Amino acid sequence: MISNVLISTIANISVCSTKMGIIMFISNIITIIIGRYSIKVRGLGASILITSINGFGLPELLATTSLGHIIGTGIILGVSSINTAPIF
């Protein structure tokens, strides 16, 4: 029953759009900012040379962006399942 609802919801979503990309981008940026200040044990893995943030390396970046994608997917599925507000 629940799987049928999820499959029908996913089938109604377009493949990709600019609005979905913006939602994913914003959710990832927000989780990176939150993760920067909430991860207590940092800097144990490989560091990223591009950023000037000390102690925020590749493991922290992968963890925060993974959570950002999960949150972004939830937002996209939640908004698209509401029939009264077709955003996508």
Protein backbone atom coordinates (compact mmCIF):
# COMPACT_ATOMS: atom_id res chain seq x y z
CA MET A 1 0.00 0.00 0.00
CA ILE A 2 2.66 2.51 1.04
CA SER A 3 4.97 1.35 -1.74
CA ASN A 4 2.23 1.96 -4.33
CA VAL A 5 1.78 5.53 -3.06
CA LEU A 6 5.54 6.16 -3.21
CA ILE A 7 5.84 4.70 -6.70
CA SER A 8 2.94 6.78 -7.99
CA THR A 9 4.41 9.91 -6.38
CA ILE A 10 7.85 9.30 -7.85
CA ALA A 11 6.36 8.54 -11.27
CA ASN A 12 4.68 11.97 -11.34
CA ILE A 13 7.92 13.89 -10.70
CA SER A 14 9.82 15.20 -13.68
CA VAL A 15 13.37 13.98 -14.16
CA CYS A 16 15.09 17.20 -13.19
CA SER A 17 14.34 20.88 -13.12
CA THR A 18 15.94 24.11 -12.04
CA LYS A 19 13.69 24.33 -9.00
CA MET A 20 14.79 20.88 -7.83
CA GLY A 21 18.42 21.87 -8.28
CA ILE A 22 17.93 25.02 -6.26
CA ILE A 23 16.24 23.06 -3.45
CA MET A 24 19.12 20.54 -3.40
CA PHE A 25 21.71 23.31 -3.43
CA ILE A 26 20.09 25.21 -0.56
CA SER A 27 19.55 22.09 1.54
CA ASN A 28 23.19 21.07 1.05
CA ILE A 29 24.52 24.53 1.97
CA ILE A 30 22.35 24.62 5.09
CA THR A 31 23.52 21.16 6.23
CA ILE A 32 27.17 22.07 5.57
CA ILE A 33 26.80 25.19 7.72
CA ILE A 34 25.03 23.26 10.49
CA GLY A 35 27.56 20.42 10.26
CA ARG A 36 30.48 22.83 10.50
CA TYR A 37 29.41 23.89 13.97
CA SER A 38 27.81 20.69 15.24
CA ILE A 39 30.38 17.99 14.38
CA LYS A 40 32.46 17.62 17.52
CA VAL A 41 35.28 15.35 16.33
CA ARG A 42 36.61 16.89 13.13
CA GLY A 43 39.71 16.71 11.03
CA LEU A 44 40.47 13.00 11.37
CA GLY A 45 40.34 12.25 7.65
CA ALA A 46 41.73 13.78 4.52
CA SER A 47 41.46 17.56 4.33
CA ILE A 48 40.10 19.61 1.48
CA LEU A 49 42.64 22.10 0.19
CA ILE A 50 40.08 24.26 -1.60
CA THR A 51 38.30 25.42 1.54
CA SER A 52 39.94 27.59 4.14
CA ILE A 53 37.96 25.97 6.95
CA ASN A 54 40.30 24.27 9.41
CA GLY A 55 39.23 20.81 10.53
CA PHE A 56 36.47 20.43 7.94
CA GLY A 57 37.71 17.73 5.61
CA LEU A 58 36.41 15.22 3.14
CA PRO A 59 34.59 12.96 5.66
CA GLU A 60 32.70 15.92 7.08
CA LEU A 61 31.84 17.21 3.62
CA LEU A 62 30.55 13.82 2.48
CA ALA A 63 28.50 13.38 5.64
CA THR A 64 26.87 16.80 5.47
CA THR A 65 26.11 16.63 1.74
CA SER A 66 24.65 13.14 2.14
CA LEU A 67 22.30 14.48 4.78
CA GLY A 68 21.58 17.48 2.56
CA HIS A 69 20.54 15.20 -0.30
CA ILE A 70 18.26 13.21 2.00
CA ILE A 71 16.62 16.41 3.26
CA GLY A 72 16.36 17.84 -0.26
CA THR A 73 14.77 14.65 -1.58
CA GLY A 74 12.26 14.73 1.27
CA ILE A 75 11.37 18.33 0.51
CA ILE A 76 10.94 17.61 -3.20
CA LEU A 77 8.80 14.51 -2.60
CA GLY A 78 6.76 16.28 0.07
CA VAL A 79 6.02 19.32 -2.03
CA SER A 80 5.31 17.31 -5.18
CA SER A 81 2.88 15.02 -3.36
CA ILE A 82 0.68 17.98 -2.42
CA ASN A 83 -1.75 18.30 -5.30
CA THR A 84 -2.88 21.80 -4.36
CA ALA A 85 0.55 23.37 -4.85
CA PRO A 86 2.13 22.11 -8.09
CA ILE A 87 5.62 23.59 -7.91
CA PHE A 88 7.42 21.09 -10.11
